[in-house]
Amino acid sequence: MNIKTLITKQYATLDAYAGTGRAKELLRTQDAAVILEENKPIGVLTAADLAMKQHQLVIDCLRSKPAVTCTELISAVLNLMKTTGNTVLPVTYEDSFYGIIKQGDILSYLHTSHEKQKVALLAATHDLHSPIASISMLGTILKADPALNKHQYLIDKLSQTCDYALVLIQDILSTEQSQNEALTLQDENLDDLVNECTVSLSDKLESKQLILSKQLNCNKTIKADRLKLKRAISNILWNSIKFTHPGGMISLSTMEAADNQVLLVVQDTGIGIPETIRDKIFDKFTKAKRPGTAGEPTTGLGLYLTKTIIESHGGTIEMESDGETGTSFTVLLPAESRFNRIQNGNGSKGGKADGEMTH
């Protein structure tokens, strides 16, 4: 989109030979003023100009600003403002002064546009859930009909597509809601949360014959939104499951870390993450998404949502991979006292035994 609808044509003006005192007074309420010499625009003045070039007359305070045209793209104008350090630029049309464009107006428009798009996306997502669920149910009914045995491949494809669509819908809803909903923090034992996530994914581990090694030695209480943090941990574990070949190994470990933090490490012996996409894996709708080793679909939202949740808890997540022999995710979270824990409050619930092995 170009900037034409965002151009301001109703602007304050000042004579080029007016004193700077008058300019300062005007710019207390205006983003900029168009400077006129013999009633012709010769430049745009901002408060930043007055601060950088302190003179007695307005004309001496003017700084050169690149002019843009009405057809310039919003992204190009924002980039020009960034590189030149100007928040207001003059706009020309057919080589004549046309108006001014303000950074604040552009950002306000983009914010409003983003909110509208988000509302539309959530509405469409909600509307799609029911019909897709109905199609999935129909697939289940068809699969049970012996007369349709020769069409089982197509019916299975139908079910897989519906399952993927439902997962994508849930990921979109979770992603958008996580950015707006406040955390419901309570005392949680990190080891317990991690263990619950492994139990919920046990069927996935078993279906790929993966060995899961757990060394849960933290036994530390943290302040967490239980459902959200479990979602983040499960996403990391599910990522390792998807990209590890059958018979491979996934290790989970927790421990206390420096500066009153707790550490969670998820390491696998999977296919790794190529260097070309490592800096994109946490992007929203990332282009780095790939099918799993057994063809598991990926929405491109899982690790973005994971990072969002962990950072909302005051933590960090990092990834290491050589691109060939597996991947390691490291999560650091603040322990409970970092959230101003009330002394003598709820204690921890106890951890799991060291060295537990499951299939």
Protein backbone atom coordinates (compact mmCIF):
# COMPACT_ATOMS: atom_id res chain seq x y z
CA MET A 1 0.00 0.00 0.00
CA ASN A 2 1.19 3.52 -0.74
CA ILE A 3 1.10 6.52 1.60
CA LYS A 4 -1.46 8.63 -0.29
CA THR A 5 -4.33 8.24 2.20
CA LEU A 6 -2.00 9.00 5.14
CA ILE A 7 -0.64 12.31 3.84
CA THR A 8 -1.47 15.36 5.96
CA LYS A 9 -2.59 18.35 3.89
CA GLN A 10 -3.85 20.38 6.84
CA TYR A 11 -0.65 21.51 8.52
CA ALA A 12 0.72 24.40 10.56
CA THR A 13 2.84 26.97 8.72
CA LEU A 14 5.54 29.44 9.72
CA ASP A 15 7.24 32.25 7.86
CA ALA A 16 10.86 31.44 7.11
CA TYR A 17 12.03 34.62 8.85
CA ALA A 18 9.99 34.19 12.04
CA GLY A 19 11.86 33.88 15.29
CA THR A 20 12.56 30.48 16.80
CA GLY A 21 10.62 31.41 19.93
CA ARG A 22 7.42 31.39 17.92
CA ALA A 23 8.44 28.08 16.32
CA LYS A 24 9.07 26.45 19.70
CA GLU A 25 5.66 27.55 20.93
CA LEU A 26 3.96 26.10 17.85
CA LEU A 27 5.86 22.82 17.95
CA ARG A 28 4.72 22.13 21.50
CA THR A 29 1.37 21.11 20.03
CA GLN A 30 2.34 20.14 16.46
CA ASP A 31 4.56 17.37 15.10
CA ALA A 32 5.92 19.70 12.43
CA ALA A 33 5.41 23.00 10.64
CA VAL A 34 5.76 23.75 6.96
CA ILE A 35 8.09 26.72 6.44
CA LEU A 36 7.04 29.31 3.86
CA GLU A 37 9.16 31.84 2.01
CA GLU A 38 7.09 34.30 -0.02
CA ASN A 39 4.15 31.95 0.62
CA LYS A 40 5.91 29.01 -1.00
CA PRO A 41 6.85 25.87 1.00
CA ILE A 42 10.61 25.52 1.32
CA GLY A 43 10.92 22.87 4.03
CA VAL A 44 9.51 21.09 7.06
CA LEU A 45 10.57 22.01 10.60
CA THR A 46 10.35 19.77 13.69
CA ALA A 47 11.32 20.17 17.33
CA ALA A 48 14.33 17.96 16.64
CA ASP A 49 15.53 20.49 14.02
CA LEU A 50 15.35 23.32 16.55
CA ALA A 51 17.36 21.28 19.04
CA MET A 52 20.06 20.33 16.54
CA LYS A 53 20.44 23.69 14.78
CA GLN A 54 19.95 26.44 17.34
CA HIS A 55 19.62 29.80 15.56
CA GLN A 56 17.48 32.92 15.92
CA LEU A 57 15.54 32.58 12.67
CA VAL A 58 13.44 29.63 11.54
CA ILE A 59 15.07 29.45 8.12
CA ASP A 60 18.48 28.88 9.67
CA CYS A 61 17.16 25.91 11.67
CA LEU A 62 15.90 23.96 8.69
CA ARG A 63 17.58 20.65 8.01
CA SER A 64 17.48 19.01 4.60
CA LYS A 65 14.88 16.24 4.41
CA PRO A 66 14.34 13.86 1.50
CA ALA A 67 10.98 14.34 -0.21
CA VAL A 68 8.76 11.38 -1.03
CA THR A 69 5.98 11.03 -3.60
CA CYS A 70 2.34 10.09 -3.10
CA THR A 71 2.93 6.68 -4.65
CA GLU A 72 5.72 5.61 -2.28
CA LEU A 73 5.06 2.38 -0.39
CA ILE A 74 4.55 2.60 3.37
CA SER A 75 7.46 0.20 3.98
CA ALA A 76 9.81 2.30 1.83
CA VAL A 77 8.87 5.53 3.62
CA LEU A 78 9.30 3.97 7.06
CA ASN A 79 12.71 2.67 6.04
CA LEU A 80 13.69 6.12 4.74
CA MET A 81 12.59 7.70 8.03
CA LYS A 82 14.67 5.16 9.93
CA THR A 83 17.82 5.69 7.88
CA THR A 84 17.60 9.50 7.87
CA GLY A 85 16.36 9.95 11.43
CA ASN A 86 13.34 12.01 10.36
CA THR A 87 9.85 11.43 11.77
CA VAL A 88 8.19 13.83 9.31
CA LEU A 89 8.93 14.10 5.57
CA PRO A 90 7.67 16.45 2.83
CA VAL A 91 5.52 14.91 0.09
CA THR A 92 5.55 16.07 -3.52
CA TYR A 93 3.18 15.50 -6.40
CA GLU A 94 4.24 16.35 -9.98
CA ASP A 95 7.28 18.17 -8.55
CA SER A 96 5.13 20.43 -6.35
CA PHE A 97 4.72 20.42 -2.58
CA TYR A 98 1.68 18.30 -1.68
CA GLY A 99 1.75 17.78 2.10
CA ILE A 100 3.63 15.96 4.86
CA ILE A 101 3.77 12.38 6.04
CA LYS A 102 4.23 11.61 9.74
CA GLN A 103 5.76 8.50 11.23
CA GLY A 104 3.15 8.53 14.00
CA ASP A 105 0.28 8.45 11.48
CA ILE A 106 1.85 5.51 9.64
CA LEU A 107 2.39 3.51 12.83
CA SER A 108 -1.13 4.27 14.04
CA TYR A 109 -2.55 3.06 10.72
CA LEU A 110 -0.46 -0.13 10.81
CA HIS A 111 -1.53 -0.86 14.39
CA THR A 112 -5.22 -0.39 13.57
CA SER A 113 -4.84 -2.49 10.42
CA HIS A 114 -3.10 -5.24 12.37
CA GLU A 115 -5.86 -5.32 14.98
CA LYS A 116 -8.54 -5.55 12.28
CA GLN A 117 -6.68 -8.37 10.56
CA LYS A 118 -6.30 -10.20 13.86
CA VAL A 119 -10.01 -9.95 14.60
CA ALA A 120 -10.82 -11.19 11.08
CA LEU A 121 -8.35 -14.06 11.42
CA LEU A 122 -9.80 -15.17 14.76
CA ALA A 123 -13.35 -14.94 13.43
CA ALA A 124 -12.49 -17.02 10.37
CA THR A 125 -10.63 -19.53 12.52
CA HIS A 126 -13.60 -19.96 14.84
CA ASP A 127 -15.97 -20.33 11.89
CA LEU A 128 -13.80 -23.00 10.27
CA HIS A 129 -13.52 -25.19 13.36
CA SER A 130 -17.04 -26.63 13.28
CA PRO A 131 -17.25 -27.61 9.59
CA ILE A 132 -13.79 -29.17 9.64
CA ALA A 133 -14.67 -31.13 12.79
CA SER A 134 -17.84 -32.33 11.03
CA ILE A 135 -15.85 -33.46 8.00
CA SER A 136 -13.45 -35.30 10.29
CA MET A 137 -16.38 -37.07 11.97
CA LEU A 138 -17.74 -38.03 8.55
CA GLY A 139 -14.35 -39.53 7.71
CA THR A 140 -14.50 -41.64 10.87
CA ILE A 141 -17.94 -42.92 9.87
CA LEU A 142 -16.80 -43.75 6.34
CA LYS A 143 -13.72 -45.56 7.65
CA ALA A 144 -15.93 -47.91 9.65
CA ASP A 145 -17.94 -48.96 6.55
CA PRO A 146 -16.57 -52.29 5.19
CA ALA A 147 -18.06 -51.51 1.76
CA LEU A 148 -15.56 -48.68 1.41
CA ASN A 149 -12.40 -50.69 2.09
CA LYS A 150 -10.99 -49.98 -1.36
CA HIS A 151 -11.20 -46.26 -0.60
CA GLN A 152 -9.43 -46.42 2.74
CA TYR A 153 -6.38 -44.55 1.44
CA LEU A 154 -8.52 -41.59 0.41
CA ILE A 155 -10.49 -41.70 3.65
CA ASP A 156 -7.23 -41.73 5.63
CA LYS A 157 -6.01 -38.73 3.66
CA LEU A 158 -9.26 -36.96 4.44
CA SER A 159 -8.83 -37.62 8.15
CA GLN A 160 -5.17 -36.54 8.13
CA THR A 161 -6.01 -33.29 6.35
CA CYS A 162 -8.79 -32.53 8.82
CA ASP A 163 -6.51 -33.33 11.76
CA TYR A 164 -3.87 -30.94 10.41
CA ALA A 165 -6.45 -28.20 9.84
CA LEU A 166 -7.75 -28.57 13.40
CA VAL A 167 -4.21 -28.41 14.81
CA LEU A 168 -3.51 -25.29 12.72
CA ILE A 169 -6.73 -23.67 13.95
CA GLN A 170 -5.83 -24.42 17.56
CA ASP A 171 -2.31 -23.07 17.08
CA ILE A 172 -3.65 -19.84 15.57
CA LEU A 173 -6.13 -19.39 18.42
CA SER A 174 -3.50 -20.16 21.06
CA THR A 175 -0.96 -17.83 19.44
CA GLU A 176 -3.28 -14.85 19.20
CA GLN A 177 -4.85 -15.38 22.63
CA SER A 178 -1.48 -15.80 24.34
CA GLN A 179 -0.53 -12.27 23.28
CA ASN A 180 -3.62 -10.72 24.85
CA GLU A 181 -4.41 -12.85 27.88
CA ALA A 182 -2.75 -12.14 31.19
CA LEU A 183 -0.85 -14.98 32.83
CA THR A 184 -2.54 -16.79 35.71
CA LEU A 185 0.52 -17.42 37.86
CA GLN A 186 0.63 -19.94 40.66
CA ASP A 187 3.21 -22.09 42.41
CA GLU A 188 4.24 -25.02 40.22
CA ASN A 189 6.95 -27.62 40.49
CA LEU A 190 8.93 -27.60 37.24
CA ASP A 191 9.73 -31.32 37.41
CA ASP A 192 6.05 -32.15 37.78
CA LEU A 193 5.11 -30.03 34.79
CA VAL A 194 7.79 -31.62 32.61
CA ASN A 195 6.77 -35.10 33.67
CA GLU A 196 3.10 -34.42 32.88
CA CYS A 197 4.08 -33.30 29.39
CA THR A 198 5.96 -36.54 28.75
CA VAL A 199 2.95 -38.58 29.89
CA SER A 200 0.60 -36.71 27.55
CA LEU A 201 2.93 -37.46 24.62
CA SER A 202 3.69 -41.06 25.55
CA ASP A 203 1.63 -42.44 22.65
CA LYS A 204 3.65 -40.34 20.19
CA LEU A 205 6.89 -41.62 21.69
CA GLU A 206 5.68 -45.20 21.57
CA SER A 207 4.45 -45.00 17.97
CA LYS A 208 7.95 -43.97 16.83
CA GLN A 209 9.69 -46.34 19.25
CA LEU A 210 11.68 -43.51 20.78
CA ILE A 211 13.61 -43.84 24.01
CA LEU A 212 13.00 -41.02 26.48
CA SER A 213 15.57 -40.37 29.20
CA LYS A 214 14.57 -38.11 32.09
CA GLN A 215 16.93 -36.55 34.60
CA LEU A 216 14.59 -34.29 36.59
CA ASN A 217 16.79 -32.92 39.35
CA CYS A 218 15.43 -29.43 39.80
CA ASN A 219 12.67 -29.97 42.38
CA LYS A 220 12.17 -26.22 42.38
CA THR A 221 9.00 -24.17 42.63
CA ILE A 222 8.37 -21.57 39.96
CA LYS A 223 5.59 -19.08 39.31
CA ALA A 224 3.84 -20.27 36.15
CA ASP A 225 0.65 -20.26 34.17
CA ARG A 226 0.18 -24.01 34.26
CA LEU A 227 -1.67 -24.53 30.98
CA LYS A 228 0.48 -22.14 28.98
CA LEU A 229 3.84 -23.39 30.24
CA LYS A 230 2.79 -27.00 29.72
CA ARG A 231 1.89 -26.07 26.15
CA ALA A 232 5.36 -24.57 25.63
CA ILE A 233 7.19 -27.58 27.09
CA SER A 234 5.01 -30.01 25.12
CA ASN A 235 5.75 -28.08 21.91
CA ILE A 236 9.49 -28.49 22.44
CA LEU A 237 9.14 -32.19 23.18
CA TRP A 238 6.79 -32.72 20.23
CA ASN A 239 9.31 -30.95 17.98
CA SER A 240 11.98 -33.45 19.02
CA ILE A 241 9.61 -36.37 18.47
CA LYS A 242 8.72 -35.20 14.96
CA PHE A 243 12.30 -34.79 13.82
CA THR A 244 13.80 -37.92 15.36
CA HIS A 245 13.85 -41.19 13.42
CA PRO A 246 12.25 -44.31 14.95
CA GLY A 247 14.56 -45.87 17.52
CA GLY A 248 16.19 -42.56 18.36
CA MET A 249 16.59 -41.00 21.77
CA ILE A 250 15.30 -37.88 23.48
CA SER A 251 16.68 -36.70 26.80
CA LEU A 252 15.05 -34.31 29.24
CA SER A 253 16.87 -32.73 32.14
CA THR A 254 16.08 -30.08 34.72
CA MET A 255 18.35 -28.49 37.29
CA GLU A 256 18.94 -25.34 39.29
CA ALA A 257 20.92 -22.65 37.51
CA ALA A 258 22.80 -19.52 38.52
CA ASP A 259 21.06 -16.28 39.53
CA ASN A 260 18.13 -18.12 41.09
CA GLN A 261 16.96 -19.64 37.81
CA VAL A 262 15.91 -23.11 36.73
CA LEU A 263 17.09 -24.90 33.60
CA LEU A 264 15.27 -27.25 31.24
CA VAL A 265 17.16 -28.98 28.42
CA VAL A 266 15.51 -31.08 25.69
CA GLN A 267 18.02 -32.89 23.48
CA ASP A 268 17.37 -35.35 20.67
CA THR A 269 19.30 -37.51 18.22
CA GLY A 270 17.18 -36.37 15.28
CA ILE A 271 17.94 -34.88 11.90
CA GLY A 272 18.98 -31.51 13.28
CA ILE A 273 18.23 -28.04 11.96
CA PRO A 274 20.15 -26.81 8.89
CA GLU A 275 22.12 -23.61 9.33
CA THR A 276 20.10 -21.87 6.61
CA ILE A 277 16.90 -21.95 8.67
CA ARG A 278 18.15 -21.79 12.27
CA ASP A 279 17.48 -18.08 12.65
CA LYS A 280 13.90 -18.53 11.41
CA ILE A 281 12.57 -21.38 13.56
CA PHE A 282 11.01 -19.07 16.15
CA ASP A 283 9.32 -16.85 13.54
CA LYS A 284 5.55 -16.65 13.30
CA PHE A 285 4.33 -18.85 10.41
CA THR A 286 7.98 -19.62 9.84
CA LYS A 287 9.17 -20.60 6.39
CA ALA A 288 11.51 -23.01 8.16
CA LYS A 289 8.74 -25.53 8.78
CA ARG A 290 9.37 -29.06 7.52
CA PRO A 291 7.45 -32.34 7.74
CA GLY A 292 8.64 -34.72 10.44
CA THR A 293 10.60 -37.89 9.80
CA ALA A 294 7.32 -39.85 9.63
CA GLY A 295 5.57 -37.17 7.61
CA GLU A 296 4.14 -35.35 10.64
CA PRO A 297 2.70 -31.99 9.52
CA THR A 298 3.99 -28.70 10.93
CA THR A 299 1.96 -25.50 11.22
CA GLY A 300 4.89 -23.11 11.58
CA LEU A 301 3.50 -21.72 14.82
CA GLY A 302 4.59 -24.17 17.52
CA LEU A 303 8.01 -22.76 18.37
CA TYR A 304 6.85 -19.17 17.92
CA LEU A 305 4.13 -19.81 20.50
CA THR A 306 6.65 -21.58 22.73
CA LYS A 307 9.05 -18.63 22.69
CA THR A 308 6.20 -16.19 23.34
CA ILE A 309 5.02 -18.15 26.38
CA ILE A 310 8.50 -18.63 27.85
CA GLU A 311 9.39 -14.96 27.44
CA SER A 312 6.09 -13.95 29.04
CA HIS A 313 7.26 -15.95 32.08
CA GLY A 314 10.48 -13.93 32.19
CA GLY A 315 12.51 -16.73 30.65
CA THR A 316 14.58 -17.40 27.54
CA ILE A 317 14.87 -20.24 25.03
CA GLU A 318 17.90 -21.09 22.90
CA MET A 319 18.57 -23.74 20.28
CA GLU A 320 21.75 -25.52 19.24
CA SER A 321 22.15 -27.92 16.31
CA ASP A 322 24.86 -29.05 13.96
CA GLY A 323 22.24 -29.76 11.31
CA GLU A 324 22.95 -33.47 11.23
CA THR A 325 23.01 -35.28 14.57
CA GLY A 326 20.24 -33.73 16.59
CA THR A 327 19.02 -30.58 18.28
CA SER A 328 19.13 -29.18 21.80
CA PHE A 329 16.70 -26.66 23.27
CA THR A 330 17.64 -24.87 26.48
CA VAL A 331 15.04 -23.02 28.54
CA LEU A 332 15.90 -20.74 31.46
CA LEU A 333 13.13 -19.64 33.82
CA PRO A 334 13.23 -17.54 36.97
CA ALA A 335 12.60 -19.40 40.21
CA GLU A 336 9.67 -18.40 42.38
CA SER A 337 11.46 -15.72 44.41
CA ARG A 338 12.12 -13.79 41.18
CA PHE A 339 8.37 -13.16 41.14
CA ASN A 340 8.48 -11.78 44.70
CA ARG A 341 7.35 -14.95 46.35
CA ILE A 342 5.64 -14.45 49.70
CA GLN A 343 7.66 -16.21 52.35
CA ASN A 344 6.08 -19.28 53.92
CA GLY A 345 3.81 -19.68 50.91
CA ASN A 346 3.11 -22.92 49.04
CA GLY A 347 6.05 -25.29 48.88
CA SER A 348 7.15 -27.53 46.05
CA LYS A 349 5.33 -30.73 45.27
CA GLY A 350 8.36 -32.98 44.90
CA GLY A 351 10.27 -34.14 41.84
CA LYS A 352 10.79 -37.37 39.96
CA ALA A 353 13.44 -39.94 40.53
CA ASP A 354 16.75 -39.50 38.73
CA GLY A 355 17.45 -41.53 35.64
CA GLU A 356 13.88 -42.62 34.86
CA MET A 357 13.69 -44.31 31.45
CA THR A 358 10.55 -44.79 29.37
CA HIS A 359 9.63 -46.02 25.91
